[in-house]
């Protein structure tokens, strides 16, 4: 009997007191057996978005640099007179 009671109350014990009071569940797993709170997930999402934005900006700058070098090479080749 005690085992059955412990198993049924396990999910309630994993929730935060605020979640129990409001009746909502806020449990999210990170795939490693740990439970992340909603705030931690939000911070992680913001960090991921920031890193993706920086990566995209870096790619954009690199693409613009390559484009400028290609234009220089093209204009340099066009400007030379054939001998």
C-alpha atoms as a PDB file:
ATOM      1  CA  UNK A   1       0.000   0.000   0.000  1.00  0.00           C
ATOM      2  CA  UNK A   2       2.771   2.450   0.906  1.00  0.00           C
ATOM      3  CA  UNK A   3       4.554   1.688  -2.363  1.00  0.00           C
ATOM      4  CA  UNK A   4       1.449   2.459  -4.369  1.00  0.00           C
ATOM      5  CA  UNK A   5       1.030   5.778  -2.541  1.00  0.00           C
ATOM      6  CA  UNK A   6       4.676   6.703  -3.128  1.00  0.00           C
ATOM      7  CA  UNK A   7       4.436   5.975  -6.838  1.00  0.00           C
ATOM      8  CA  UNK A   8       1.258   7.947  -7.322  1.00  0.00           C
ATOM      9  CA  UNK A   9       2.598  10.995  -5.492  1.00  0.00           C
ATOM     10  CA  UNK A  10       5.964  10.987  -7.308  1.00  0.00           C
ATOM     11  CA  UNK A  11       4.893  13.340 -10.138  1.00  0.00           C
ATOM     12  CA  UNK A  12       3.463  15.796  -7.609  1.00  0.00           C
ATOM     13  CA  UNK A  13       6.750  15.852  -5.694  1.00  0.00           C
ATOM     14  CA  UNK A  14       8.706  16.649  -8.873  1.00  0.00           C
ATOM     15  CA  UNK A  15       6.690  19.782  -9.536  1.00  0.00           C
ATOM     16  CA  UNK A  16       7.471  23.136  -8.040  1.00  0.00           C
ATOM     17  CA  UNK A  17       5.113  24.383  -5.300  1.00  0.00           C
ATOM     18  CA  UNK A  18       3.903  27.169  -7.593  1.00  0.00           C
ATOM     19  CA  UNK A  19       3.090  24.657 -10.326  1.00  0.00           C
ATOM     20  CA  UNK A  20       1.214  22.451  -7.883  1.00  0.00           C
ATOM     21  CA  UNK A  21      -0.806  25.436  -6.648  1.00  0.00           C
ATOM     22  CA  UNK A  22      -1.694  26.567 -10.162  1.00  0.00           C
ATOM     23  CA  UNK A  23      -2.283  23.041 -11.445  1.00  0.00           C
ATOM     24  CA  UNK A  24       0.205  23.329 -14.307  1.00  0.00           C
ATOM     25  CA  UNK A  25       3.172  21.113 -15.057  1.00  0.00           C
ATOM     26  CA  UNK A  26       6.476  22.774 -15.905  1.00  0.00           C
ATOM     27  CA  UNK A  27       8.769  19.782 -16.218  1.00  0.00           C
ATOM     28  CA  UNK A  28      11.009  19.495 -19.256  1.00  0.00           C
ATOM     29  CA  UNK A  29      13.820  17.009 -19.629  1.00  0.00           C
ATOM     30  CA  UNK A  30      17.144  17.796 -21.276  1.00  0.00           C
ATOM     31  CA  UNK A  31      17.618  14.186 -22.375  1.00  0.00           C
ATOM     32  CA  UNK A  32      20.185  13.437 -19.688  1.00  0.00           C
ATOM     33  CA  UNK A  33      17.727  12.603 -16.950  1.00  0.00           C
ATOM     34  CA  UNK A  34      17.706  16.112 -15.496  1.00  0.00           C
ATOM     35  CA  UNK A  35      14.600  18.224 -15.320  1.00  0.00           C
ATOM     36  CA  UNK A  36      14.902  21.786 -16.570  1.00  0.00           C
ATOM     37  CA  UNK A  37      12.695  24.564 -15.372  1.00  0.00           C
ATOM     38  CA  UNK A  38      10.943  26.823 -17.807  1.00  0.00           C
ATOM     39  CA  UNK A  39      13.312  29.682 -16.996  1.00  0.00           C
ATOM     40  CA  UNK A  40      16.367  27.552 -17.759  1.00  0.00           C
ATOM     41  CA  UNK A  41      14.848  26.497 -21.068  1.00  0.00           C
ATOM     42  CA  UNK A  42      14.152  30.142 -21.936  1.00  0.00           C
ATOM     43  CA  UNK A  43      17.746  31.139 -21.139  1.00  0.00           C
ATOM     44  CA  UNK A  44      19.013  28.232 -23.224  1.00  0.00           C
ATOM     45  CA  UNK A  45      16.786  29.258 -26.140  1.00  0.00           C
ATOM     46  CA  UNK A  46      18.030  32.855 -25.979  1.00  0.00           C
ATOM     47  CA  UNK A  47      21.644  31.639 -25.942  1.00  0.00           C
ATOM     48  CA  UNK A  48      21.053  29.350 -28.926  1.00  0.00           C
ATOM     49  CA  UNK A  49      19.381  32.150 -30.884  1.00  0.00           C
ATOM     50  CA  UNK A  50      22.285  34.485 -30.092  1.00  0.00           C
ATOM     51  CA  UNK A  51      24.848  31.923 -31.255  1.00  0.00           C
ATOM     52  CA  UNK A  52      22.894  31.237 -34.456  1.00  0.00           C
ATOM     53  CA  UNK A  53      22.629  34.978 -35.165  1.00  0.00           C
ATOM     54  CA  UNK A  54      26.388  35.416 -34.670  1.00  0.00           C
ATOM     55  CA  UNK A  55      27.099  32.452 -36.934  1.00  0.00           C
ATOM     56  CA  UNK A  56      24.821  33.879 -39.642  1.00  0.00           C
ATOM     57  CA  UNK A  57      26.474  37.300 -39.387  1.00  0.00           C
ATOM     58  CA  UNK A  58      29.894  35.695 -39.681  1.00  0.00           C
ATOM     59  CA  UNK A  59      28.797  33.762 -42.770  1.00  0.00           C
ATOM     60  CA  UNK A  60      27.321  36.929 -44.279  1.00  0.00           C
ATOM     61  CA  UNK A  61      30.560  38.864 -43.740  1.00  0.00           C
ATOM     62  CA  UNK A  62      32.595  36.031 -45.211  1.00  0.00           C
ATOM     63  CA  UNK A  63      30.290  35.852 -48.235  1.00  0.00           C
ATOM     64  CA  UNK A  64      30.531  39.623 -48.759  1.00  0.00           C
ATOM     65  CA  UNK A  65      34.316  39.415 -48.477  1.00  0.00           C
ATOM     66  CA  UNK A  66      34.476  36.631 -51.051  1.00  0.00           C
ATOM     67  CA  UNK A  67      32.143  38.563 -53.326  1.00  0.00           C
ATOM     68  CA  UNK A  68      34.319  41.681 -53.057  1.00  0.00           C
ATOM     69  CA  UNK A  69      37.452  39.656 -53.808  1.00  0.00           C
ATOM     70  CA  UNK A  70      35.749  38.094 -56.828  1.00  0.00           C
ATOM     71  CA  UNK A  71      34.750  41.553 -58.078  1.00  0.00           C
ATOM     72  CA  UNK A  72      38.319  42.808 -57.603  1.00  0.00           C
ATOM     73  CA  UNK A  73      39.717  39.852 -59.472  1.00  0.00           C
ATOM     74  CA  UNK A  74      37.167  40.284 -62.269  1.00  0.00           C
ATOM     75  CA  UNK A  75      37.719  44.024 -62.584  1.00  0.00           C
ATOM     76  CA  UNK A  76      41.486  43.530 -62.419  1.00  0.00           C
ATOM     77  CA  UNK A  77      41.346  40.955 -65.212  1.00  0.00           C
ATOM     78  CA  UNK A  78      39.075  43.173 -67.329  1.00  0.00           C
ATOM     79  CA  UNK A  79      41.247  46.255 -66.849  1.00  0.00           C
ATOM     80  CA  UNK A  80      44.413  44.645 -68.211  1.00  0.00           C
ATOM     81  CA  UNK A  81      45.192  45.054 -71.891  1.00  0.00           C
ATOM     82  CA  UNK A  82      46.055  41.910 -73.823  1.00  0.00           C
ATOM     83  CA  UNK A  83      49.586  41.993 -75.166  1.00  0.00           C
END
